Amino acid sequence: MCLAVPARIARIDAPGQGTASYMGSQVKVNLSLVPQARQGDWVIIHAGFAISVMDEKEARETLRLFKEMAAAFPDEAA
């Protein structure tokens, strides 16, 4: 199963490419679907692509819920 995960754009590396940060990790991300995204913006990442820009409050709430689910099912989160 795949999830779309909120992440914050740490930097723009090249046109359409960047590095995003979430839950303690940094990942390369394709930004071509969200050309309006800028460093510091929160985006939804799915399969290596940022698919939409979201506000920080919603991103943090979603990450909180992911952590809560992982804590409730520790054997599944590994």
Foldseek 3Di string as FASTA:
>chain_A
DWDWAKWAFQAAPDQQWGWTDDPHDIDIAGEPQPNVDHHGWIFTDTPRYGNGTDDPVVNVVVNVVVVVVCVVPVVVND
